[in-house]
N, C-alpha and C. Protein backbone atom coordinates (compact mmCIF):
# COMPACT_ATOMS: atom_id res chain seq x y z
N MET A 1 84.09 55.57 27.34
CA MET A 1 84.02 54.93 25.66
C MET A 1 85.38 54.79 25.93
N LEU A 2 86.26 56.15 25.15
CA LEU A 2 87.25 56.43 24.89
C LEU A 2 88.39 55.94 26.07
N ALA A 3 88.08 56.10 27.07
CA ALA A 3 88.71 56.02 28.27
C ALA A 3 89.13 54.18 28.57
N ASP A 4 88.01 53.76 27.83
CA ASP A 4 88.08 51.97 28.08
C ASP A 4 88.66 51.65 27.53
N ILE A 5 88.80 52.14 25.83
CA ILE A 5 89.41 51.97 24.74
C ILE A 5 91.12 52.20 25.17
N THR A 6 91.12 52.91 25.61
CA THR A 6 92.98 53.48 25.81
C THR A 6 93.14 52.37 26.67
N GLU A 7 92.66 52.20 28.41
CA GLU A 7 93.03 51.19 29.02
C GLU A 7 92.81 49.83 28.27
N ARG A 8 92.66 49.16 27.51
CA ARG A 8 92.44 48.17 27.09
C ARG A 8 93.79 47.83 26.04
N LYS A 9 93.58 48.99 25.44
CA LYS A 9 94.81 49.08 24.27
C LYS A 9 96.74 49.13 24.83
N ARG A 10 96.13 49.91 26.29
CA ARG A 10 97.93 50.05 27.29
C ARG A 10 97.84 48.33 27.32
N ALA A 11 96.75 47.62 27.82
CA ALA A 11 96.88 46.03 28.59
C ALA A 11 96.94 45.29 27.19
N GLU A 12 96.65 45.60 26.12
CA GLU A 12 97.16 44.86 25.31
C GLU A 12 98.32 45.04 24.82
N GLU A 13 98.74 46.21 24.84
CA GLU A 13 100.36 46.15 24.31
C GLU A 13 101.67 45.87 25.36
N GLN A 14 100.77 46.18 26.92
CA GLN A 14 101.71 45.34 27.87
C GLN A 14 101.59 43.66 27.81
N GLN A 15 100.87 43.33 27.30
CA GLN A 15 100.47 41.97 27.10
C GLN A 15 101.95 41.27 26.01
N VAL A 16 102.15 42.14 24.76
CA VAL A 16 102.93 42.00 23.71
C VAL A 16 104.32 42.00 24.24
N LEU A 17 104.49 42.97 25.12
CA LEU A 17 106.20 42.98 25.88
C LEU A 17 106.59 41.91 26.04
N PRO A 18 105.90 41.08 26.77
CA PRO A 18 106.52 39.24 27.61
C PRO A 18 106.41 38.59 26.78
N VAL A 19 105.37 38.43 25.71
CA VAL A 19 105.79 37.98 24.49
C VAL A 19 107.39 37.99 23.77
N ARG A 20 107.21 39.63 23.13
CA ARG A 20 108.81 39.43 22.68
C ARG A 20 109.79 39.23 23.53
N GLU A 21 109.95 39.28 24.68
CA GLU A 21 110.83 39.22 25.40
C GLU A 21 111.19 37.35 25.64
N LEU A 22 109.98 36.57 25.36
CA LEU A 22 110.48 35.43 25.63
C LEU A 22 110.83 34.89 24.24
N HIS A 23 110.14 35.55 22.98
CA HIS A 23 110.91 35.09 21.73
C HIS A 23 112.28 35.36 21.54
N HIS A 24 112.78 36.43 22.45
CA HIS A 24 113.76 36.95 22.39
C HIS A 24 114.93 35.98 23.26
N ARG A 25 114.48 35.44 24.41
CA ARG A 25 115.15 34.83 25.12
C ARG A 25 115.37 33.55 24.28
N VAL A 26 114.08 32.83 23.54
CA VAL A 26 114.32 31.23 23.18
C VAL A 26 114.79 31.61 22.19
N LYS A 27 115.08 32.70 21.28
CA LYS A 27 115.74 32.48 20.45
C LYS A 27 117.18 32.69 21.12
N ASN A 28 118.14 33.27 21.67
CA ASN A 28 119.14 33.35 22.02
C ASN A 28 119.77 32.20 22.73
N THR A 29 118.73 31.46 23.22
CA THR A 29 119.00 30.20 24.20
C THR A 29 119.36 28.83 23.10
N LEU A 30 118.75 29.26 22.20
CA LEU A 30 118.44 28.13 20.71
C LEU A 30 119.73 28.17 20.35
N ALA A 31 120.53 29.82 20.11
CA ALA A 31 121.79 29.97 19.61
C ALA A 31 122.79 29.10 20.39
N THR A 32 122.75 29.70 22.01
CA THR A 32 123.56 29.47 22.67
C THR A 32 123.78 27.92 22.81
N VAL A 33 123.04 26.94 22.72
CA VAL A 33 122.66 25.72 22.51
C VAL A 33 123.43 25.14 21.65
N GLN A 34 123.10 25.87 20.68
CA GLN A 34 123.54 25.49 18.90
C GLN A 34 125.36 25.75 19.27
N ALA A 35 125.81 26.80 19.62
CA ALA A 35 127.28 27.32 19.85
C ALA A 35 128.01 26.05 21.28
N ILE A 36 126.82 25.76 21.92
CA ILE A 36 127.52 24.74 22.86
C ILE A 36 127.41 23.03 22.54
N MET A 37 127.20 22.89 21.41
CA MET A 37 127.26 21.36 20.84
C MET A 37 128.26 21.62 19.89
N GLY A 38 128.50 22.44 19.00
CA GLY A 38 129.80 22.40 17.82
C GLY A 38 131.00 22.70 19.07
N SER A 39 130.78 23.26 20.02
CA SER A 39 132.40 23.53 20.54
C SER A 39 132.68 22.35 21.47
N THR A 40 131.32 21.79 21.90
CA THR A 40 131.83 20.64 22.87
C THR A 40 131.88 19.61 21.80
N ALA A 41 131.83 19.56 20.51
CA ALA A 41 131.85 17.98 19.48
C ALA A 41 133.29 18.73 19.76
N ARG A 42 133.74 19.57 18.96
CA ARG A 42 135.40 19.72 18.99
C ARG A 42 136.72 19.96 19.86
N SER A 43 136.05 19.69 20.96
CA SER A 43 137.11 19.77 21.62
C SER A 43 136.91 18.40 22.58
N ALA A 44 135.83 16.91 22.30
CA ALA A 44 135.70 15.84 23.09
C ALA A 44 136.12 14.76 22.22
N ASP A 45 137.16 13.93 22.75
CA ASP A 45 137.78 12.92 21.83
C ASP A 45 137.09 11.86 22.14
N THR A 46 135.81 11.16 22.38
CA THR A 46 135.08 10.08 22.90
C THR A 46 133.56 10.73 22.55
N ILE A 47 132.78 10.00 22.35
CA ILE A 47 131.25 10.05 22.31
C ILE A 47 131.03 9.85 23.77
N GLU A 48 131.43 9.66 24.59
CA GLU A 48 130.93 9.58 26.23
C GLU A 48 131.26 11.33 26.75
N GLU A 49 132.51 11.14 26.46
CA GLU A 49 132.85 12.64 26.99
C GLU A 49 132.36 13.67 25.74
N PHE A 50 131.76 13.49 25.35
CA PHE A 50 130.92 14.71 24.64
C PHE A 50 129.88 14.46 25.07
N LYS A 51 129.23 13.46 25.33
CA LYS A 51 127.96 13.17 26.22
C LYS A 51 127.96 14.08 27.49
N THR A 52 128.83 13.54 28.33
CA THR A 52 129.09 14.18 29.73
C THR A 52 129.16 15.56 30.07
N ALA A 53 129.90 16.18 28.99
CA ALA A 53 130.21 17.60 28.99
C ALA A 53 128.84 18.77 28.40
N LEU A 54 128.33 17.49 27.46
CA LEU A 54 127.35 18.49 26.83
C LEU A 54 125.95 18.44 27.91
N ILE A 55 125.97 17.25 28.78
CA ILE A 55 124.84 17.52 29.52
C ILE A 55 125.71 18.67 30.93
N GLY A 56 126.80 18.40 31.43
CA GLY A 56 126.83 19.44 32.15
C GLY A 56 126.49 20.89 31.74
N ARG A 57 126.97 21.11 30.80
CA ARG A 57 127.01 22.38 29.87
C ARG A 57 124.93 23.02 29.60
N ILE A 58 124.55 22.22 29.27
CA ILE A 58 123.36 22.26 29.35
C ILE A 58 122.68 22.50 30.67
N GLY A 59 123.31 21.71 31.75
CA GLY A 59 122.29 21.92 32.93
C GLY A 59 123.02 23.36 33.57
N ALA A 60 124.26 23.82 33.75
CA ALA A 60 124.46 25.10 33.59
C ALA A 60 123.54 25.93 33.30
N LEU A 61 123.10 25.68 32.00
CA LEU A 61 122.49 26.46 31.30
C LEU A 61 121.16 26.55 31.88
N ALA A 62 120.49 25.50 32.39
CA ALA A 62 119.44 25.52 32.81
C ALA A 62 119.20 26.13 34.05
N LYS A 63 120.25 26.06 34.94
CA LYS A 63 120.51 26.72 36.17
C LYS A 63 120.49 28.42 36.06
N THR A 64 120.83 28.95 34.87
CA THR A 64 120.93 30.01 34.78
C THR A 64 119.64 30.42 34.80
N HIS A 65 118.57 29.58 33.99
CA HIS A 65 117.61 30.51 33.08
C HIS A 65 116.30 29.70 34.59
N ARG A 66 116.52 29.18 35.49
CA ARG A 66 115.61 28.91 36.77
C ARG A 66 115.74 30.32 37.40
N LEU A 67 116.94 30.72 37.63
CA LEU A 67 117.38 31.83 38.16
C LEU A 67 116.59 33.08 37.73
N LEU A 68 116.94 32.79 36.17
CA LEU A 68 116.04 34.41 35.45
C LEU A 68 114.70 33.97 35.71
N THR A 69 114.15 33.32 35.74
CA THR A 69 112.59 32.95 35.96
C THR A 69 112.09 33.83 36.97
N ASP A 70 112.83 33.05 38.42
CA ASP A 70 112.56 33.34 39.81
C ASP A 70 112.90 35.15 39.86
N GLU A 71 114.12 35.34 39.10
CA GLU A 71 114.23 36.86 39.45
C GLU A 71 113.27 38.10 38.20
N VAL A 72 113.08 36.94 37.41
CA VAL A 72 111.92 38.04 36.52
C VAL A 72 112.37 38.34 35.20
N ALA A 73 114.05 39.50 35.63
CA ALA A 73 114.77 39.82 34.36
C ALA A 73 115.98 39.76 34.63
N ALA A 74 116.42 39.69 35.86
CA ALA A 74 117.82 39.93 36.33
C ALA A 74 118.64 38.75 37.15
N VAL A 75 119.69 38.31 37.50
CA VAL A 75 120.22 37.54 37.72
C VAL A 75 121.61 38.38 39.07
N ARG A 76 121.79 37.50 40.08
CA ARG A 76 122.44 38.16 40.74
C ARG A 76 124.04 37.59 40.53
N PHE A 77 125.17 37.83 40.34
CA PHE A 77 126.13 37.69 40.08
C PHE A 77 127.10 36.22 41.31
N GLY A 78 126.54 37.02 42.22
CA GLY A 78 126.97 36.04 43.47
C GLY A 78 126.01 34.60 43.34
N ASP A 79 124.71 34.96 43.52
CA ASP A 79 123.67 33.64 43.02
C ASP A 79 124.46 32.62 42.08
N GLN A 80 125.08 33.44 41.12
CA GLN A 80 125.08 31.87 40.26
C GLN A 80 126.92 31.33 40.50
N LEU A 81 127.21 32.04 41.42
CA LEU A 81 128.89 31.56 41.80
C LEU A 81 127.98 30.44 42.32
N HIS A 82 127.04 31.03 43.51
CA HIS A 82 126.76 29.75 44.69
C HIS A 82 126.39 28.58 44.02
N ASN A 83 125.49 28.56 42.79
CA ASN A 83 124.42 27.86 42.13
C ASN A 83 125.55 26.79 41.77
N GLN A 84 126.94 27.08 41.30
CA GLN A 84 127.80 26.12 40.76
C GLN A 84 128.80 25.20 42.26
N LEU A 85 129.26 26.68 43.16
CA LEU A 85 130.21 25.98 44.29
C LEU A 85 129.63 25.20 45.06
N ASP A 86 128.33 25.37 45.55
CA ASP A 86 127.92 25.45 46.97
C ASP A 86 128.36 24.05 46.94
N SER A 87 128.21 23.14 45.73
CA SER A 87 128.47 21.72 46.39
C SER A 87 129.50 21.21 46.62
N PHE A 88 130.53 21.93 46.48
CA PHE A 88 132.41 21.67 46.94
C PHE A 88 132.17 22.03 47.91
N ASP A 89 131.59 22.90 48.62
CA ASP A 89 131.88 23.62 49.87
C ASP A 89 131.69 22.30 51.35
N ASP A 90 132.50 22.06 51.98
CA ASP A 90 132.64 21.49 52.97
C ASP A 90 132.42 22.12 54.68
N GLY A 91 131.77 23.17 54.77
CA GLY A 91 131.53 23.95 55.70
C GLY A 91 132.47 24.66 56.56
N SER A 92 133.50 24.29 55.92
CA SER A 92 134.91 25.02 57.04
C SER A 92 135.13 26.67 56.65
N ASP A 93 134.00 27.07 56.02
CA ASP A 93 134.42 28.51 55.13
C ASP A 93 135.82 28.95 54.49
N ARG A 94 136.44 27.82 54.41
CA ARG A 94 137.80 28.13 53.97
C ARG A 94 138.16 27.19 52.37
N ARG A 95 137.19 26.25 52.03
CA ARG A 95 137.59 25.49 50.72
C ARG A 95 137.06 26.70 49.81
N ILE A 96 135.67 27.13 50.08
CA ILE A 96 134.74 28.14 48.87
C ILE A 96 134.71 29.12 49.82
N THR A 97 135.19 30.48 49.11
CA THR A 97 134.86 32.04 49.52
C THR A 97 134.89 32.86 48.29
N LEU A 98 133.48 33.32 48.46
CA LEU A 98 133.06 34.34 47.62
C LEU A 98 132.40 36.02 48.58
N SER A 99 133.38 36.83 47.74
CA SER A 99 132.78 38.09 48.12
C SER A 99 132.67 39.06 47.24
N GLY A 100 132.00 39.84 47.81
CA GLY A 100 131.64 41.03 46.35
C GLY A 100 129.98 41.35 46.34
N PRO A 101 130.05 42.91 46.08
CA PRO A 101 128.96 43.25 46.08
C PRO A 101 127.39 42.51 45.60
N ASP A 102 126.55 43.03 45.71
CA ASP A 102 125.18 42.58 44.84
C ASP A 102 125.34 43.24 43.51
N VAL A 103 125.49 42.40 42.62
CA VAL A 103 125.53 43.00 41.04
C VAL A 103 124.16 42.34 40.11
N HIS A 104 123.70 42.79 39.56
CA HIS A 104 122.95 42.32 38.99
C HIS A 104 122.66 42.25 37.44
N LEU A 105 122.82 41.15 36.79
CA LEU A 105 123.01 40.56 35.47
C LEU A 105 121.75 40.38 34.52
N SER A 106 122.31 41.23 33.27
CA SER A 106 120.71 41.40 32.28
C SER A 106 120.50 39.25 31.71
N SER A 107 119.94 39.31 30.99
CA SER A 107 119.69 38.01 30.84
C SER A 107 120.75 37.25 29.76
N GLN A 108 121.79 37.83 29.25
CA GLN A 108 122.76 37.82 28.43
C GLN A 108 124.04 37.79 28.72
N ARG A 109 124.27 38.38 29.45
CA ARG A 109 125.10 38.49 30.82
C ARG A 109 124.85 37.59 31.64
N ALA A 110 124.22 36.78 32.15
CA ALA A 110 123.78 36.01 33.09
C ALA A 110 123.87 34.56 32.38
N VAL A 111 123.74 34.44 31.19
CA VAL A 111 124.16 32.92 30.50
C VAL A 111 125.23 32.76 30.15
N SER A 112 125.77 33.99 29.70
CA SER A 112 127.65 33.80 29.41
C SER A 112 128.28 33.68 30.31
N LEU A 113 127.93 34.37 32.06
CA LEU A 113 129.00 34.47 32.85
C LEU A 113 128.42 33.04 33.22
N GLY A 114 127.17 32.76 33.46
CA GLY A 114 127.03 31.33 33.88
C GLY A 114 127.94 30.30 33.63
N MET A 115 127.76 30.05 31.88
CA MET A 115 128.95 29.25 31.14
C MET A 115 130.23 29.26 31.70
N ALA A 116 130.61 30.65 32.22
CA ALA A 116 132.13 30.49 32.88
C ALA A 116 132.17 30.32 34.03
N ALA A 117 131.18 30.37 34.55
CA ALA A 117 131.79 29.57 36.11
C ALA A 117 131.36 28.29 36.25
N HIS A 118 130.44 27.82 35.02
CA HIS A 118 130.13 26.36 35.07
C HIS A 118 131.62 25.66 34.66
N GLU A 119 132.34 26.41 33.50
CA GLU A 119 133.35 25.78 33.20
C GLU A 119 134.33 25.88 33.97
N LEU A 120 135.18 27.11 34.83
CA LEU A 120 135.46 26.90 35.84
C LEU A 120 135.75 25.87 36.81
N THR A 121 134.48 26.23 37.44
CA THR A 121 133.57 25.01 38.50
C THR A 121 134.20 23.57 38.01
N THR A 122 134.15 23.18 36.40
CA THR A 122 134.09 21.86 36.07
C THR A 122 135.77 21.84 35.76
N ASN A 123 136.45 22.48 35.63
CA ASN A 123 137.71 22.47 35.48
C ASN A 123 138.72 22.03 37.02
N THR A 124 138.11 23.12 37.81
CA THR A 124 138.77 22.47 38.98
C THR A 124 138.84 21.80 39.71
N ALA A 125 137.37 20.75 40.02
CA ALA A 125 137.20 19.56 39.96
C ALA A 125 137.29 18.65 39.69
N LYS A 126 137.51 18.37 38.47
CA LYS A 126 138.73 17.70 37.81
C LYS A 126 139.94 17.66 37.66
N TYR A 127 140.47 18.47 37.49
CA TYR A 127 142.05 18.61 37.22
C TYR A 127 143.00 19.77 38.35
N GLY A 128 142.10 20.89 39.09
CA GLY A 128 142.68 21.80 39.64
C GLY A 128 142.56 21.94 41.29
N ALA A 129 142.05 23.12 42.01
CA ALA A 129 142.14 23.05 43.54
C ALA A 129 141.15 21.80 44.49
N LEU A 130 139.87 22.02 43.58
CA LEU A 130 138.93 21.05 44.27
C LEU A 130 139.18 19.66 43.87
N SER A 131 139.75 19.02 43.43
CA SER A 131 140.19 17.87 42.89
C SER A 131 141.23 17.03 43.79
N VAL A 132 141.35 17.90 45.18
CA VAL A 132 142.22 17.40 45.83
C VAL A 132 141.81 18.04 47.17
N VAL A 133 142.20 17.22 48.63
CA VAL A 133 141.98 17.49 49.79
C VAL A 133 142.81 18.90 50.04
N GLY A 134 142.00 19.73 50.80
CA GLY A 134 142.44 20.95 51.20
C GLY A 134 142.71 21.55 50.28
N GLY A 135 142.53 21.70 48.78
CA GLY A 135 142.06 22.62 47.96
C GLY A 135 141.19 23.80 47.99
N LYS A 136 141.52 25.03 47.82
CA LYS A 136 140.44 26.27 47.93
C LYS A 136 140.48 26.88 46.86
N VAL A 137 139.11 27.63 46.40
CA VAL A 137 138.71 28.34 45.41
C VAL A 137 138.14 29.45 46.17
N ASP A 138 138.85 31.11 45.74
CA ASP A 138 138.64 32.26 46.29
C ASP A 138 138.24 33.13 44.65
N VAL A 139 136.50 33.91 45.28
CA VAL A 139 136.30 34.50 44.09
C VAL A 139 136.01 35.64 44.68
N THR A 140 136.68 37.18 44.10
CA THR A 140 136.19 37.84 44.71
C THR A 140 135.69 38.90 43.56
N TRP A 141 134.31 40.11 43.29
CA TRP A 141 134.38 40.81 42.29
C TRP A 141 133.58 42.53 42.99
N SER A 142 133.86 43.41 42.34
CA SER A 142 134.07 44.76 42.38
C SER A 142 133.41 44.98 41.35
N LEU A 143 132.55 46.17 41.43
CA LEU A 143 131.93 47.03 40.36
C LEU A 143 132.42 48.35 40.94
N THR A 144 132.72 48.41 39.14
CA THR A 144 133.53 50.12 39.19
C THR A 144 132.96 50.89 38.31
N ILE A 145 132.55 52.07 38.99
CA ILE A 145 131.34 53.30 38.40
C ILE A 145 132.65 54.04 38.03
N GLU A 146 132.27 54.17 36.30
CA GLU A 146 132.86 55.07 35.58
C GLU A 146 131.99 56.20 34.83
N ALA A 147 132.72 57.09 33.88
CA ALA A 147 131.51 58.43 33.67
C ALA A 147 130.20 57.44 33.18
N LYS A 148 130.26 56.83 31.83
CA LYS A 148 129.24 56.46 31.21
C LYS A 148 128.69 54.86 31.43
N ARG A 149 129.74 54.30 31.94
CA ARG A 149 129.48 52.73 32.28
C ARG A 149 129.81 52.47 33.54
N HIS A 150 129.67 50.69 33.74
CA HIS A 150 129.94 50.32 35.46
C HIS A 150 130.76 49.15 34.31
N ILE A 151 131.98 48.73 35.41
CA ILE A 151 132.63 47.50 34.98
C ILE A 151 132.58 46.58 36.39
N LEU A 152 132.40 45.20 35.68
CA LEU A 152 132.50 44.00 36.62
C LEU A 152 133.57 43.72 36.55
N ASP A 153 134.58 43.60 37.88
CA ASP A 153 135.75 42.60 37.53
C ASP A 153 136.03 41.66 38.63
N PHE A 154 136.07 40.57 38.08
CA PHE A 154 136.06 39.45 39.54
C PHE A 154 137.33 38.63 39.19
N ASP A 155 137.55 37.91 39.79
CA ASP A 155 138.82 36.88 40.25
C ASP A 155 138.62 35.81 40.80
N TRP A 156 139.31 34.26 39.85
CA TRP A 156 139.02 33.66 40.57
C TRP A 156 140.36 33.03 40.68
N VAL A 157 140.43 32.36 42.33
CA VAL A 157 142.27 32.18 42.36
C VAL A 157 141.72 31.02 43.16
N GLU A 158 142.73 30.09 42.50
CA GLU A 158 142.93 28.54 43.55
C GLU A 158 143.92 28.28 43.82
N SER A 159 143.96 27.78 45.12
CA SER A 159 145.50 27.52 45.89
C SER A 159 145.48 26.32 46.39
N CYS A 160 146.84 25.76 47.17
CA CYS A 160 146.80 24.68 47.52
C CYS A 160 146.45 23.25 46.94
N GLY A 161 146.01 23.05 45.36
CA GLY A 161 145.70 22.44 44.49
C GLY A 161 147.04 21.76 44.17
N SER A 162 146.58 20.80 43.45
CA SER A 162 147.65 19.93 42.79
C SER A 162 148.24 20.64 41.72
N ALA A 163 149.39 20.32 41.19
CA ALA A 163 150.43 21.46 40.15
C ALA A 163 149.74 21.44 38.79
N VAL A 164 149.66 22.72 38.46
CA VAL A 164 148.83 23.15 37.38
C VAL A 164 149.95 22.96 36.34
N THR A 165 149.54 22.82 34.81
CA THR A 165 150.30 23.05 33.55
C THR A 165 149.08 23.76 32.51
N PRO A 166 149.42 24.55 31.80
CA PRO A 166 148.90 24.46 31.01
C PRO A 166 147.92 23.80 30.22
N PRO A 167 147.12 23.85 29.38
CA PRO A 167 146.50 22.63 28.97
C PRO A 167 147.46 22.86 27.20
N LYS A 168 147.17 21.68 26.78
CA LYS A 168 148.22 21.28 25.38
C LYS A 168 147.34 21.83 24.09
N ARG A 169 145.97 21.86 24.49
CA ARG A 169 144.87 22.60 23.19
C ARG A 169 143.97 23.52 24.08
N CYS A 170 143.18 24.06 23.29
CA CYS A 170 142.78 25.03 23.20
C CYS A 170 141.00 24.68 23.69
N GLY A 171 140.55 24.28 24.61
CA GLY A 171 139.24 23.12 24.91
C GLY A 171 138.33 24.60 24.86
N PHE A 172 137.18 24.05 25.22
CA PHE A 172 135.83 24.71 25.64
C PHE A 172 135.81 26.18 26.47
N GLY A 173 136.51 25.53 27.54
CA GLY A 173 136.91 27.23 28.40
C GLY A 173 137.74 28.07 28.00
N SER A 174 138.83 27.69 27.15
CA SER A 174 139.71 28.37 26.69
C SER A 174 138.85 29.40 25.52
N ARG A 175 138.01 28.67 24.79
CA ARG A 175 137.58 29.52 23.76
C ARG A 175 136.51 30.26 24.65
N LEU A 176 135.72 29.52 25.34
CA LEU A 176 134.69 30.60 25.92
C LEU A 176 135.38 32.19 26.29
N LEU A 177 136.62 32.16 27.24
CA LEU A 177 136.87 33.37 27.74
C LEU A 177 138.04 33.96 26.78
N GLU A 178 138.03 33.28 25.30
CA GLU A 178 139.07 34.19 24.63
C GLU A 178 138.05 34.67 23.24
N PHE A 179 137.10 33.96 23.05
CA PHE A 179 136.52 34.27 21.67
C PHE A 179 134.70 34.56 21.95
N VAL A 180 134.48 33.85 22.96
CA VAL A 180 132.77 34.04 23.28
C VAL A 180 132.80 35.62 24.11
N LEU A 181 133.39 35.15 25.42
CA LEU A 181 132.55 36.22 26.59
C LEU A 181 132.93 37.61 25.98
N PRO A 182 134.14 37.83 25.10
CA PRO A 182 134.43 39.00 24.27
C PRO A 182 133.33 39.48 22.80
N GLY A 183 132.97 38.27 22.52
CA GLY A 183 132.11 38.35 21.38
C GLY A 183 130.81 38.87 21.69
N GLN A 184 130.22 38.40 22.85
CA GLN A 184 128.67 38.09 23.12
C GLN A 184 128.58 39.73 24.39
N ILE A 185 129.62 39.95 25.27
CA ILE A 185 129.39 41.19 26.40
C ILE A 185 130.47 41.54 26.03
N GLN A 186 131.41 41.61 25.32
CA GLN A 186 132.32 42.55 25.24
C GLN A 186 133.60 42.26 26.61
N ALA A 187 133.49 41.06 26.91
CA ALA A 187 134.12 40.85 28.45
C ALA A 187 135.96 40.59 27.76
N LYS A 188 136.35 41.09 28.92
CA LYS A 188 138.24 40.98 28.35
C LYS A 188 138.88 40.33 29.83
N GLY A 189 139.46 39.09 29.29
CA GLY A 189 139.68 38.48 30.29
C GLY A 189 141.12 37.42 30.07
N THR A 190 141.58 37.05 31.57
CA THR A 190 143.32 36.53 31.45
C THR A 190 143.11 35.21 32.30
N ILE A 191 144.47 34.48 32.08
CA ILE A 191 144.50 33.18 32.43
C ILE A 191 146.08 33.13 33.11
N ASP A 192 146.32 32.71 34.12
CA ASP A 192 147.30 32.72 34.57
C ASP A 192 147.46 31.05 35.26
N TYR A 193 148.20 30.18 34.51
CA TYR A 193 148.61 29.06 34.92
C TYR A 193 149.89 28.76 36.13
N GLN A 194 149.68 29.24 37.32
CA GLN A 194 150.42 29.11 38.25
C GLN A 194 150.43 27.71 39.06
N ILE A 195 151.97 27.54 40.05
CA ILE A 195 152.19 26.18 40.08
C ILE A 195 151.10 25.59 41.03
N ASP A 196 150.62 26.09 42.25
CA ASP A 196 149.28 25.66 42.98
C ASP A 196 147.88 26.04 42.41
N GLY A 197 147.47 26.72 41.56
CA GLY A 197 146.25 26.60 40.91
C GLY A 197 146.02 27.61 39.96
N VAL A 198 145.11 27.71 39.07
CA VAL A 198 144.88 28.67 38.58
C VAL A 198 144.32 30.28 38.45
N ARG A 199 144.66 31.13 38.39
CA ARG A 199 144.03 32.51 38.54
C ARG A 199 143.40 33.01 37.07
N MET A 200 142.19 33.77 37.13
CA MET A 200 141.85 34.38 36.24
C MET A 200 140.99 35.36 36.65
N ASN A 201 141.12 36.37 35.65
CA ASN A 201 140.43 37.69 36.07
C ASN A 201 139.51 37.74 35.07
N CYS A 202 138.84 38.61 34.98
CA CYS A 202 137.99 39.18 34.13
C CYS A 202 137.24 40.14 34.45
N SER A 203 137.17 40.98 33.06
CA SER A 203 136.37 42.71 33.49
C SER A 203 135.05 42.36 32.35
N VAL A 204 133.88 42.89 32.67
CA VAL A 204 132.94 42.82 32.21
C VAL A 204 131.79 44.57 32.32
N PRO A 205 131.53 44.88 30.92
CA PRO A 205 131.20 46.53 31.20
C PRO A 205 129.65 45.79 31.29
N MET A 206 129.42 46.97 32.48
CA MET A 206 127.66 46.67 33.02
C MET A 206 127.12 47.92 32.53
N PRO A 207 125.76 48.05 32.38
CA PRO A 207 124.84 49.17 32.41
C PRO A 207 125.13 49.91 33.60
N PRO A 208 124.52 50.81 33.80
CA PRO A 208 124.24 51.47 35.08
C PRO A 208 123.62 51.16 36.48
N GLU A 209 122.24 50.43 36.27
CA GLU A 209 121.37 49.71 36.68
C GLU A 209 121.85 48.25 37.23
N ALA A 210 123.13 48.05 37.21
CA ALA A 210 123.56 46.45 37.42
C ALA A 210 123.80 46.45 39.00
N GLN A 211 124.04 47.61 39.93
CA GLN A 211 123.92 47.75 41.11
C GLN A 211 122.65 47.58 42.17
N GLY A 212 122.39 47.10 43.36
CA GLY A 212 121.40 47.18 43.69
C GLY A 212 120.36 45.92 44.02
């Protein structure tokens, strides 16, 4: 009888943990949606621009959550990039190149970096390398192992695109890089507007179990 009660209690505790995780994810998702709506409203000039941008960003968030469902608790960083960029690949193996090790992201990092990947992809498709024939996007990443933590470094490099100039105002993408990513996942990023394309570097502290 004691053994039966112990097993039943253990099973009940195991059921509580997924429910708590679900509540935590829903809470974080709603906060993210609210932040996206506010930032999109501030950067949009028209209702139509707001609608288009918001649909795209909520869609990017939905893609990340589908990956989280498939992967249970983690998302591969490379899968997030493929999710955003594969539709722009022409099959030549030159327009889009992605290179890096398997790096698993927790739900919080997955949401934040998924939004970053979406913004970079949207901007290059509208104004950057992927807006012209022959433009290229190369993304490389690595995982550096330090004493007490791991560091995910990734570089987004556009080339052979149209002439690029720094934006005249701080849009959603700039705020995401400068304020949201540092605040949510302690990421540090730099962006360089070079003549033939944007170059962005981002460094993200990761837990030790991020690789594999």
